[in-house]
Protein backbone atom coordinates (compact mmCIF):
# COMPACT_ATOMS: atom_id res chain seq x y z
CA UNK A 1 4.83 5.18 -23.35
CA UNK A 2 1.41 5.12 -21.71
CA UNK A 3 -0.28 7.22 -19.05
CA UNK A 4 -0.66 4.06 -16.99
CA UNK A 5 3.05 3.32 -17.29
CA UNK A 6 4.06 6.84 -16.29
CA UNK A 7 1.79 6.80 -13.24
CA UNK A 8 3.09 3.37 -12.18
CA UNK A 9 6.64 4.72 -12.59
CA UNK A 10 5.70 7.65 -10.35
CA UNK A 11 4.37 5.20 -7.75
CA UNK A 12 7.57 3.16 -7.93
CA UNK A 13 9.66 6.32 -7.54
CA UNK A 14 7.64 7.47 -4.53
CA UNK A 15 8.04 4.01 -3.03
CA UNK A 16 11.80 4.28 -3.50
CA UNK A 17 11.80 7.62 -1.66
CA UNK A 18 9.76 5.96 1.10
CA UNK A 19 12.31 3.13 1.27
CA UNK A 20 15.14 5.59 1.76
CA UNK A 21 13.24 7.48 4.46
CA UNK A 22 12.39 4.31 6.37
CA UNK A 23 16.03 3.28 6.58
CA UNK A 24 16.21 5.50 9.66
CA UNK A 25 15.00 3.86 12.84
CA UNK A 26 12.38 5.37 15.09
CA UNK A 27 9.21 7.27 14.37
CA UNK A 28 10.61 10.74 13.79
CA UNK A 29 10.59 12.99 10.75
CA UNK A 30 12.14 10.36 8.46
CA UNK A 31 9.40 7.89 9.30
CA UNK A 32 6.64 10.45 8.73
CA UNK A 33 8.21 11.51 5.42
CA UNK A 34 8.48 7.86 4.40
CA UNK A 35 4.86 7.27 5.39
CA UNK A 36 3.78 10.29 3.31
CA UNK A 37 5.83 9.09 0.35
CA UNK A 38 4.26 5.63 0.48
CA UNK A 39 0.82 7.20 0.89
CA UNK A 40 1.41 9.20 -2.31
CA UNK A 41 2.68 6.03 -4.04
CA UNK A 42 -0.60 4.32 -3.14
CA UNK A 43 -2.50 7.36 -4.47
CA UNK A 44 -0.54 7.09 -7.72
CA UNK A 45 -1.49 3.43 -7.97
CA UNK A 46 -5.16 4.29 -7.35
CA UNK A 47 -5.04 6.81 -10.20
CA UNK A 48 -3.31 4.29 -12.48
CA UNK A 49 -5.78 1.51 -11.69
CA UNK A 50 -8.81 3.76 -12.14
CA UNK A 51 -7.32 4.78 -15.50
CA UNK A 52 -7.57 1.15 -16.62
CA UNK A 53 -11.36 1.40 -16.29
CA UNK A 54 -13.55 0.16 -13.48
CA UNK A 55 -16.27 -2.44 -13.26
CA UNK A 56 -18.74 -1.43 -10.56
CA UNK A 57 -19.67 -5.08 -10.15
CA UNK A 58 -16.05 -5.99 -9.40
CA UNK A 59 -15.69 -3.05 -7.02
CA UNK A 60 -18.81 -4.26 -5.22
CA UNK A 61 -17.35 -7.78 -4.97
CA UNK A 62 -14.11 -6.35 -3.54
CA UNK A 63 -15.86 -4.03 -1.10
CA UNK A 64 -16.67 -6.50 1.68
CA UNK A 65 -13.23 -8.17 1.87
CA UNK A 66 -11.49 -4.78 1.70
CA UNK A 67 -13.66 -3.33 4.48
CA UNK A 68 -13.05 -6.43 6.63
CA UNK A 69 -9.27 -6.29 6.07
CA UNK A 70 -9.07 -2.55 6.72
CA UNK A 71 -11.17 -2.69 9.89
CA UNK A 72 -9.18 -5.61 11.26
CA UNK A 73 -5.89 -3.90 10.39
CA UNK A 74 -6.87 -0.56 11.89
CA UNK A 75 -8.35 -2.12 15.01
CA UNK A 76 -5.17 -4.14 15.51
CA UNK A 77 -2.96 -1.08 15.08
CA UNK A 78 -5.11 1.45 16.98
CA UNK A 79 -4.16 -0.03 20.34
CA UNK A 80 -0.47 0.49 19.54
CA UNK A 81 -0.44 3.82 17.67
CA UNK A 82 0.11 6.91 19.78
CA UNK A 83 -2.18 9.92 19.34
CA UNK A 84 0.04 12.00 17.01
CA UNK A 85 0.23 9.13 14.52
CA UNK A 86 -3.43 8.08 14.56
CA UNK A 87 -4.59 10.43 11.77
CA UNK A 88 -1.63 9.61 9.46
CA UNK A 89 -2.14 5.88 10.03
CA UNK A 90 -5.90 6.15 9.46
CA UNK A 91 -5.27 8.13 6.27
CA UNK A 92 -2.80 5.52 5.09
CA UNK A 93 -5.26 2.70 5.78
CA UNK A 94 -7.96 4.58 3.85
CA UNK A 95 -5.71 5.04 0.82
CA UNK A 96 -4.70 1.36 0.92
CA UNK A 97 -8.38 0.42 0.86
CA UNK A 98 -8.97 2.70 -2.14
CA UNK A 99 -5.99 1.11 -3.90
CA UNK A 100 -7.41 -2.36 -3.27
CA UNK A 101 -10.86 -1.36 -4.50
CA UNK A 102 -9.44 0.27 -7.65
CA UNK A 103 -7.26 -2.79 -8.29
CA UNK A 104 -10.24 -5.10 -7.86
CA UNK A 105 -12.40 -2.91 -10.06
CA UNK A 106 -9.82 -2.98 -12.86
CA UNK A 107 -10.52 -6.65 -13.54
CA UNK A 108 -6.79 -7.26 -14.05
CA UNK A 109 -5.50 -10.19 -11.98
CA UNK A 110 -1.89 -8.94 -12.04
CA UNK A 111 -2.92 -5.50 -10.82
CA UNK A 112 -5.06 -7.01 -8.08
CA UNK A 113 -2.29 -9.41 -7.05
CA UNK A 114 0.29 -6.63 -6.87
CA UNK A 115 -2.01 -4.40 -4.86
CA UNK A 116 -2.97 -7.17 -2.40
CA UNK A 117 0.65 -8.17 -1.88
CA UNK A 118 1.62 -4.51 -1.37
CA UNK A 119 -1.13 -4.13 1.25
CA UNK A 120 0.02 -7.31 3.02
CA UNK A 121 3.59 -6.01 3.12
CA UNK A 122 2.28 -2.81 4.72
CA UNK A 123 0.87 -4.84 7.58
CA UNK A 124 4.36 -6.08 8.41
CA UNK A 125 5.79 -2.55 8.22
CA UNK A 126 3.09 -1.37 10.62
CA UNK A 127 3.77 -4.30 12.97
CA UNK A 128 7.47 -3.47 12.93
CA UNK A 129 6.96 0.23 13.65
CA UNK A 130 4.02 0.16 16.04
CA UNK A 131 3.56 -3.29 17.58
CA UNK A 132 6.76 -5.33 17.87
CA UNK A 133 10.14 -5.10 16.20
CA UNK A 134 10.93 -8.62 15.06
CA UNK A 135 12.85 -10.28 12.26
CA UNK A 136 9.65 -11.88 10.95
CA UNK A 137 8.25 -8.47 10.01
CA UNK A 138 11.23 -7.80 7.77
CA UNK A 139 11.61 -11.45 6.75
CA UNK A 140 8.08 -11.61 5.36
CA UNK A 141 7.27 -7.95 4.75
CA UNK A 142 10.27 -7.03 2.61
CA UNK A 143 9.99 -9.93 0.14
CA UNK A 144 6.26 -9.25 -0.19
CA UNK A 145 6.92 -5.55 -0.77
CA UNK A 146 9.54 -6.12 -3.48
CA UNK A 147 7.41 -8.80 -5.13
CA UNK A 148 4.47 -6.37 -5.20
CA UNK A 149 6.59 -3.64 -6.78
CA UNK A 150 7.86 -6.08 -9.42
CA UNK A 151 4.34 -7.25 -10.22
CA UNK A 152 3.06 -3.67 -10.50
CA UNK A 153 5.99 -2.80 -12.79
CA UNK A 154 5.19 -5.92 -14.85
CA UNK A 155 1.60 -4.76 -15.32
CA UNK A 156 2.89 -1.94 -17.53
CA UNK A 157 4.16 -4.46 -20.06
CA UNK A 158 1.31 -6.91 -19.57
């Protein structure tokens, strides 16, 4: 019954669409659609977290670790991402960083935990799609992803 809850529900729904799109193997249209859906889910989460209110001091504290994580992640992926996917991947990394900053700025530990776990799960998805297809990506990435979604859903009630 809250704006925050409705926006989180939108993010969860967009994530579900992304899940369905990523069921297809390869990096074709389904993958790009899934990537776009997850990007919009992250945008929804940014909007929801900003709606909780932001502490500029907390955003400042989060800034350095977020920049370090994003630069390391993008540098790691850049060597493996082919030219047509570089802009979408860079955009996705930017939106993840905004989500992490907004989560940190909210001052809510559950929100921050859900956002961090979601970002970590994205690293395994990117490894699976661009670097190496291995069971460990799914074995770690999927549980992290579902845990993050559950935590973010929980934040509506908390």
